[in-house]
PDB file of N, CA and C in Angstrom:
ATOM      1  N   MET A   1     -37.608   8.091  83.297  1.00  0.00           N
ATOM      2  CA  MET A   1     -37.521   6.840  84.100  1.00  0.00           C
ATOM      3  C   MET A   1     -36.323   6.019  83.716  1.00  0.00           C
ATOM      4  N   SER A   2     -35.709   6.228  82.585  1.00  0.00           N
ATOM      5  CA  SER A   2     -34.609   5.401  82.104  1.00  0.00           C
ATOM      6  C   SER A   2     -33.377   5.599  83.020  1.00  0.00           C
ATOM      7  N   LYS A   3     -33.381   6.775  83.763  1.00  0.00           N
ATOM      8  CA  LYS A   3     -32.202   6.930  84.706  1.00  0.00           C
ATOM      9  C   LYS A   3     -32.084   5.888  85.776  1.00  0.00           C
ATOM     10  N   TYR A   4     -33.182   5.203  86.037  1.00  0.00           N
ATOM     11  CA  TYR A   4     -33.169   4.038  87.075  1.00  0.00           C
ATOM     12  C   TYR A   4     -32.686   2.780  86.467  1.00  0.00           C
ATOM     13  N   VAL A   5     -32.846   2.623  85.184  1.00  0.00           N
ATOM     14  CA  VAL A   5     -32.525   1.301  84.596  1.00  0.00           C
ATOM     15  C   VAL A   5     -31.008   1.088  84.691  1.00  0.00           C
ATOM     16  N   GLY A   6     -30.597  -0.086  85.185  1.00  0.00           N
ATOM     17  CA  GLY A   6     -29.195  -0.323  85.349  1.00  0.00           C
ATOM     18  C   GLY A   6     -28.653  -0.201  86.768  1.00  0.00           C
ATOM     19  N   MET A   7     -29.586   0.499  87.604  1.00  0.00           N
ATOM     20  CA  MET A   7     -29.111   0.719  88.965  1.00  0.00           C
ATOM     21  C   MET A   7     -29.180  -0.518  89.805  1.00  0.00           C
ATOM     22  N   SER A   8     -28.281  -0.553  90.755  1.00  0.00           N
ATOM     23  CA  SER A   8     -28.248  -1.728  91.673  1.00  0.00           C
ATOM     24  C   SER A   8     -29.172  -1.373  92.817  1.00  0.00           C
ATOM     25  N   VAL A   9     -29.910  -2.359  93.339  1.00  0.00           N
ATOM     26  CA  VAL A   9     -30.824  -2.221  94.446  1.00  0.00           C
ATOM     27  C   VAL A   9     -30.642  -3.319  95.432  1.00  0.00           C
ATOM     28  N   THR A  10     -30.954  -3.052  96.641  1.00  0.00           N
ATOM     29  CA  THR A  10     -30.957  -4.089  97.733  1.00  0.00           C
ATOM     30  C   THR A  10     -32.281  -4.043  98.379  1.00  0.00           C
ATOM     31  N   LYS A  11     -33.054  -5.071  98.357  1.00  0.00           N
ATOM     32  CA  LYS A  11     -34.363  -5.145  99.052  1.00  0.00           C
ATOM     33  C   LYS A  11     -34.368  -6.248 100.035  1.00  0.00           C
ATOM     34  N   VAL A  12     -34.984  -5.946 101.177  1.00  0.00           N
ATOM     35  CA  VAL A  12     -35.071  -6.927 102.284  1.00  0.00           C
ATOM     36  C   VAL A  12     -36.389  -7.672 102.089  1.00  0.00           C
ATOM     37  N   PHE A  13     -36.258  -9.053 102.093  1.00  0.00           N
ATOM     38  CA  PHE A  13     -37.418  -9.881 102.043  1.00  0.00           C
ATOM     39  C   PHE A  13     -37.307 -10.719 103.359  1.00  0.00           C
ATOM     40  N   TYR A  14     -38.442 -11.103 103.910  1.00  0.00           N
ATOM     41  CA  TYR A  14     -38.560 -11.846 105.125  1.00  0.00           C
ATOM     42  C   TYR A  14     -38.752 -13.319 104.842  1.00  0.00           C
ATOM     43  N   ASP A  15     -37.832 -14.181 105.385  1.00  0.00           N
ATOM     44  CA  ASP A  15     -37.929 -15.601 105.277  1.00  0.00           C
ATOM     45  C   ASP A  15     -39.337 -16.077 105.771  1.00  0.00           C
ATOM     46  N   GLU A  16     -39.954 -16.845 104.911  1.00  0.00           N
ATOM     47  CA  GLU A  16     -41.324 -17.355 105.199  1.00  0.00           C
ATOM     48  C   GLU A  16     -41.352 -18.270 106.460  1.00  0.00           C
ATOM     49  N   VAL A  17     -40.226 -19.004 106.681  1.00  0.00           N
ATOM     50  CA  VAL A  17     -40.212 -19.931 107.807  1.00  0.00           C
ATOM     51  C   VAL A  17     -39.775 -19.291 109.124  1.00  0.00           C
ATOM     52  N   SER A  18     -38.615 -18.662 109.061  1.00  0.00           N
ATOM     53  CA  SER A  18     -37.998 -18.028 110.237  1.00  0.00           C
ATOM     54  C   SER A  18     -38.525 -16.610 110.490  1.00  0.00           C
ATOM     55  N   GLY A  19     -38.941 -15.995 109.524  1.00  0.00           N
ATOM     56  CA  GLY A  19     -39.355 -14.567 109.678  1.00  0.00           C
ATOM     57  C   GLY A  19     -38.219 -13.611 109.664  1.00  0.00           C
ATOM     58  N   LYS A  20     -36.968 -14.140 109.506  1.00  0.00           N
ATOM     59  CA  LYS A  20     -35.805 -13.310 109.629  1.00  0.00           C
ATOM     60  C   LYS A  20     -35.568 -12.452 108.306  1.00  0.00           C
ATOM     61  N   PRO A  21     -35.115 -11.220 108.365  1.00  0.00           N
ATOM     62  CA  PRO A  21     -34.978 -10.400 107.199  1.00  0.00           C
ATOM     63  C   PRO A  21     -33.725 -10.940 106.372  1.00  0.00           C
ATOM     64  N   ARG A  22     -33.871 -10.956 105.092  1.00  0.00           N
ATOM     65  CA  ARG A  22     -32.730 -11.381 104.207  1.00  0.00           C
ATOM     66  C   ARG A  22     -32.646 -10.358 103.079  1.00  0.00           C
ATOM     67  N   PRO A  23     -31.582  -9.619 103.022  1.00  0.00           N
ATOM     68  CA  PRO A  23     -31.351  -8.703 101.874  1.00  0.00           C
ATOM     69  C   PRO A  23     -30.984  -9.396 100.645  1.00  0.00           C
ATOM     70  N   PHE A  24     -31.539  -8.889  99.504  1.00  0.00           N
ATOM     71  CA  PHE A  24     -31.257  -9.438  98.234  1.00  0.00           C
ATOM     72  C   PHE A  24     -30.774  -8.363  97.249  1.00  0.00           C
ATOM     73  N   GLN A  25     -29.641  -8.594  96.635  1.00  0.00           N
ATOM     74  CA  GLN A  25     -29.129  -7.685  95.633  1.00  0.00           C
ATOM     75  C   GLN A  25     -29.885  -7.874  94.371  1.00  0.00           C
ATOM     76  N   GLY A  26     -30.117  -6.755  93.565  1.00  0.00           N
ATOM     77  CA  GLY A  26     -30.728  -6.780  92.377  1.00  0.00           C
ATOM     78  C   GLY A  26     -30.398  -5.689  91.472  1.00  0.00           C
ATOM     79  N   ARG A  27     -30.932  -5.670  90.264  1.00  0.00           N
ATOM     80  CA  ARG A  27     -30.697  -4.558  89.277  1.00  0.00           C
ATOM     81  C   ARG A  27     -31.950  -4.224  88.581  1.00  0.00           C
ATOM     82  N   VAL A  28     -32.215  -2.946  88.418  1.00  0.00           N
ATOM     83  CA  VAL A  28     -33.353  -2.532  87.606  1.00  0.00           C
ATOM     84  C   VAL A  28     -33.005  -2.836  86.155  1.00  0.00           C
ATOM     85  N   GLU A  29     -33.834  -3.759  85.613  1.00  0.00           N
ATOM     86  CA  GLU A  29     -33.521  -4.224  84.228  1.00  0.00           C
ATOM     87  C   GLU A  29     -34.223  -3.372  83.126  1.00  0.00           C
ATOM     88  N   SER A  30     -35.431  -3.003  83.428  1.00  0.00           N
ATOM     89  CA  SER A  30     -36.158  -2.249  82.366  1.00  0.00           C
ATOM     90  C   SER A  30     -37.339  -1.432  82.963  1.00  0.00           C
ATOM     91  N   TYR A  31     -37.905  -0.663  82.150  1.00  0.00           N
ATOM     92  CA  TYR A  31     -39.118   0.128  82.470  1.00  0.00           C
ATOM     93  C   TYR A  31     -40.178  -0.082  81.416  1.00  0.00           C
ATOM     94  N   GLU A  32     -41.312  -0.402  81.782  1.00  0.00           N
ATOM     95  CA  GLU A  32     -42.419  -0.561  80.852  1.00  0.00           C
ATOM     96  C   GLU A  32     -43.294   0.600  80.897  1.00  0.00           C
ATOM     97  N   ILE A  33     -43.204   1.402  79.816  1.00  0.00           N
ATOM     98  CA  ILE A  33     -43.918   2.662  79.802  1.00  0.00           C
ATOM     99  C   ILE A  33     -45.402   2.571  79.994  1.00  0.00           C
ATOM    100  N   LYS A  34     -46.036   1.633  79.154  1.00  0.00           N
ATOM    101  CA  LYS A  34     -47.528   1.436  79.137  1.00  0.00           C
ATOM    102  C   LYS A  34     -48.025   1.157  80.547  1.00  0.00           C
ATOM    103  N   ARG A  35     -47.367   0.263  81.312  1.00  0.00           N
ATOM    104  CA  ARG A  35     -47.786  -0.182  82.586  1.00  0.00           C
ATOM    105  C   ARG A  35     -47.211   0.593  83.706  1.00  0.00           C
ATOM    106  N   LYS A  36     -46.207   1.390  83.409  1.00  0.00           N
ATOM    107  CA  LYS A  36     -45.525   2.285  84.440  1.00  0.00           C
ATOM    108  C   LYS A  36     -44.938   1.436  85.576  1.00  0.00           C
ATOM    109  N   VAL A  37     -44.177   0.373  85.122  1.00  0.00           N
ATOM    110  CA  VAL A  37     -43.479  -0.501  86.118  1.00  0.00           C
ATOM    111  C   VAL A  37     -42.046  -0.781  85.725  1.00  0.00           C
ATOM    112  N   PHE A  38     -41.231  -0.926  86.769  1.00  0.00           N
ATOM    113  CA  PHE A  38     -39.910  -1.419  86.543  1.00  0.00           C
ATOM    114  C   PHE A  38     -39.798  -2.846  86.734  1.00  0.00           C
ATOM    115  N   LEU A  39     -38.853  -3.475  85.937  1.00  0.00           N
ATOM    116  CA  LEU A  39     -38.575  -4.885  86.217  1.00  0.00           C
ATOM    117  C   LEU A  39     -37.236  -4.985  86.956  1.00  0.00           C
ATOM    118  N   VAL A  40     -37.276  -5.612  88.132  1.00  0.00           N
ATOM    119  CA  VAL A  40     -36.071  -5.754  88.943  1.00  0.00           C
ATOM    120  C   VAL A  40     -35.740  -7.237  89.013  1.00  0.00           C
ATOM    121  N   LYS A  41     -34.515  -7.564  88.631  1.00  0.00           N
ATOM    122  CA  LYS A  41     -34.047  -8.956  88.700  1.00  0.00           C
ATOM    123  C   LYS A  41     -33.011  -9.103  89.896  1.00  0.00           C
ATOM    124  N   TYR A  42     -33.261 -10.086  90.694  1.00  0.00           N
ATOM    125  CA  TYR A  42     -32.464 -10.260  91.960  1.00  0.00           C
ATOM    126  C   TYR A  42     -31.418 -11.351  91.613  1.00  0.00           C
ATOM    127  N   SER A  43     -30.365 -11.330  92.518  1.00  0.00           N
ATOM    128  CA  SER A  43     -29.209 -12.239  92.248  1.00  0.00           C
ATOM    129  C   SER A  43     -29.665 -13.727  92.362  1.00  0.00           C
ATOM    130  N   ASP A  44     -30.695 -14.053  92.968  1.00  0.00           N
ATOM    131  CA  ASP A  44     -31.169 -15.439  93.054  1.00  0.00           C
ATOM    132  C   ASP A  44     -31.956 -15.855  91.891  1.00  0.00           C
ATOM    133  N   GLY A  45     -32.184 -14.917  90.856  1.00  0.00           N
ATOM    134  CA  GLY A  45     -32.949 -15.188  89.691  1.00  0.00           C
ATOM    135  C   GLY A  45     -34.385 -14.720  89.684  1.00  0.00           C
ATOM    136  N   ASP A  46     -34.884 -14.447  90.899  1.00  0.00           N
ATOM    137  CA  ASP A  46     -36.293 -13.997  90.959  1.00  0.00           C
ATOM    138  C   ASP A  46     -36.399 -12.542  90.386  1.00  0.00           C
ATOM    139  N   THR A  47     -37.559 -12.251  89.860  1.00  0.00           N
ATOM    140  CA  THR A  47     -37.866 -10.922  89.331  1.00  0.00           C
ATOM    141  C   THR A  47     -39.105 -10.317  90.059  1.00  0.00           C
ATOM    142  N   GLU A  48     -39.151  -9.042  89.944  1.00  0.00           N
ATOM    143  CA  GLU A  48     -40.318  -8.358  90.549  1.00  0.00           C
ATOM    144  C   GLU A  48     -40.609  -7.037  89.736  1.00  0.00           C
ATOM    145  N   GLU A  49     -41.904  -6.817  89.646  1.00  0.00           N
ATOM    146  CA  GLU A  49     -42.256  -5.524  88.941  1.00  0.00           C
ATOM    147  C   GLU A  49     -42.606  -4.552  90.023  1.00  0.00           C
ATOM    148  N   LEU A  50     -41.985  -3.331  89.993  1.00  0.00           N
ATOM    149  CA  LEU A  50     -42.238  -2.347  90.968  1.00  0.00           C
ATOM    150  C   LEU A  50     -42.571  -0.959  90.336  1.00  0.00           C
ATOM    151  N   ALA A  51     -43.435  -0.287  91.016  1.00  0.00           N
ATOM    152  CA  ALA A  51     -43.823   1.057  90.601  1.00  0.00           C
ATOM    153  C   ALA A  51     -42.711   2.047  90.893  1.00  0.00           C
ATOM    154  N   LEU A  52     -42.724   3.201  90.328  1.00  0.00           N
ATOM    155  CA  LEU A  52     -41.693   4.194  90.518  1.00  0.00           C
ATOM    156  C   LEU A  52     -41.471   4.522  92.038  1.00  0.00           C
ATOM    157  N   LYS A  53     -42.650   4.629  92.727  1.00  0.00           N
ATOM    158  CA  LYS A  53     -42.576   4.932  94.118  1.00  0.00           C
ATOM    159  C   LYS A  53     -41.771   3.887  94.937  1.00  0.00           C
ATOM    160  N   GLU A  54     -42.004   2.631  94.574  1.00  0.00           N
ATOM    161  CA  GLU A  54     -41.354   1.561  95.292  1.00  0.00           C
ATOM    162  C   GLU A  54     -39.855   1.553  94.951  1.00  0.00           C
ATOM    163  N   VAL A  55     -39.419   1.769  93.781  1.00  0.00           N
ATOM    164  CA  VAL A  55     -37.998   1.901  93.394  1.00  0.00           C
ATOM    165  C   VAL A  55     -37.393   3.073  94.074  1.00  0.00           C
ATOM    166  N   ALA A  56     -38.092   4.142  94.089  1.00  0.00           N
ATOM    167  CA  ALA A  56     -37.517   5.396  94.806  1.00  0.00           C
ATOM    168  C   ALA A  56     -37.342   5.117  96.282  1.00  0.00           C
ATOM    169  N   LEU A  57     -38.266   4.451  96.923  1.00  0.00           N
ATOM    170  CA  LEU A  57     -38.144   4.153  98.330  1.00  0.00           C
ATOM    171  C   LEU A  57     -36.939   3.300  98.618  1.00  0.00           C
ATOM    172  N   ILE A  58     -36.722   2.286  97.775  1.00  0.00           N
ATOM    173  CA  ILE A  58     -35.595   1.360  97.983  1.00  0.00           C
ATOM    174  C   ILE A  58     -34.271   2.161  97.776  1.00  0.00           C
ATOM    175  N   LEU A  59     -34.210   2.964  96.715  1.00  0.00           N
ATOM    176  CA  LEU A  59     -32.997   3.756  96.470  1.00  0.00           C
ATOM    177  C   LEU A  59     -32.733   4.751  97.495  1.00  0.00           C
ATOM    178  N   ASN A  60     -33.741   5.439  98.020  1.00  0.00           N
ATOM    179  CA  ASN A  60     -33.586   6.436  99.063  1.00  0.00           C
ATOM    180  C   ASN A  60     -33.131   5.797 100.376  1.00  0.00           C
ATOM    181  N   SER A  61     -33.645   4.600 100.681  1.00  0.00           N
ATOM    182  CA  SER A  61     -33.242   3.893 101.934  1.00  0.00           C
ATOM    183  C   SER A  61     -31.823   3.481 101.797  1.00  0.00           C
ATOM    184  N   GLN A  62     -31.374   3.097 100.624  1.00  0.00           N
ATOM    185  CA  GLN A  62     -29.981   2.738 100.406  1.00  0.00           C
ATOM    186  C   GLN A  62     -29.081   3.886 100.641  1.00  0.00           C
ATOM    187  N   ILE A  63     -29.504   5.121 100.118  1.00  0.00           N
ATOM    188  CA  ILE A  63     -28.717   6.337 100.281  1.00  0.00           C
ATOM    189  C   ILE A  63     -28.651   6.725 101.739  1.00  0.00           C
ATOM    190  N   PHE A  64     -29.795   6.702 102.402  1.00  0.00           N
ATOM    191  CA  PHE A  64     -29.900   7.026 103.849  1.00  0.00           C
ATOM    192  C   PHE A  64     -28.977   6.075 104.665  1.00  0.00           C
ATOM    193  N   ASN A  65     -29.043   4.703 104.421  1.00  0.00           N
ATOM    194  CA  ASN A  65     -28.278   3.801 105.148  1.00  0.00           C
ATOM    195  C   ASN A  65     -26.725   4.017 104.863  1.00  0.00           C
ATOM    196  N   SER A  66     -26.497   4.349 103.720  1.00  0.00           N
ATOM    197  CA  SER A  66     -25.054   4.629 103.259  1.00  0.00           C
ATOM    198  C   SER A  66     -24.564   5.848 104.041  1.00  0.00           C
ATOM    199  N   ASP A  67     -25.395   6.862 104.123  1.00  0.00           N
ATOM    200  CA  ASP A  67     -25.011   8.095 104.861  1.00  0.00           C
ATOM    201  C   ASP A  67     -24.892   7.848 106.329  1.00  0.00           C
ATOM    202  N   GLN A  68     -25.703   6.980 106.946  1.00  0.00           N
ATOM    203  CA  GLN A  68     -25.572   6.638 108.328  1.00  0.00           C
ATOM    204  C   GLN A  68     -24.350   5.858 108.584  1.00  0.00           C
ATOM    205  N   SER A  69     -23.970   5.020 107.671  1.00  0.00           N
ATOM    206  CA  SER A  69     -22.736   4.204 107.851  1.00  0.00           C
ATOM    207  C   SER A  69     -21.511   5.147 107.793  1.00  0.00           C
ATOM    208  N   SER A  70     -21.488   6.074 106.936  1.00  0.00           N
ATOM    209  CA  SER A  70     -20.326   6.954 106.789  1.00  0.00           C
ATOM    210  C   SER A  70     -20.257   7.918 107.916  1.00  0.00           C
ATOM    211  N   ASP A  71     -21.299   8.224 108.584  1.00  0.00           N
ATOM    212  CA  ASP A  71     -21.389   9.159 109.758  1.00  0.00           C
ATOM    213  C   ASP A  71     -20.722   8.472 111.039  1.00  0.00           C
ATOM    214  N   LYS A  72     -20.714   7.179 111.002  1.00  0.00           N
ATOM    215  CA  LYS A  72     -20.155   6.353 112.125  1.00  0.00           C
ATOM    216  C   LYS A  72     -18.613   6.214 112.081  1.00  0.00           C
ATOM    217  N   SER A  73     -18.102   6.567 110.881  1.00  0.00           N
ATOM    218  CA  SER A  73     -16.653   6.425 110.749  1.00  0.00           C
ATOM    219  C   SER A  73     -15.927   7.532 111.381  1.00  0.00           C
TER     220      SER A  73
END
């Protein structure tokens, strides 16, 4: 699990008022073995605990989106 620690992530959150999507940059700060959760800290200072499945989904979507962008070039 430590291979994910230090990786940059971008997660989309939806604005509570407007409902518009807002991407936030973050970094996987640590992994807690006992609870099996990653701590992600975002650029605005917020933190979130995520399971491996959630971190993998975020990273896979970033790779997919990156591949889609390079295909358009």
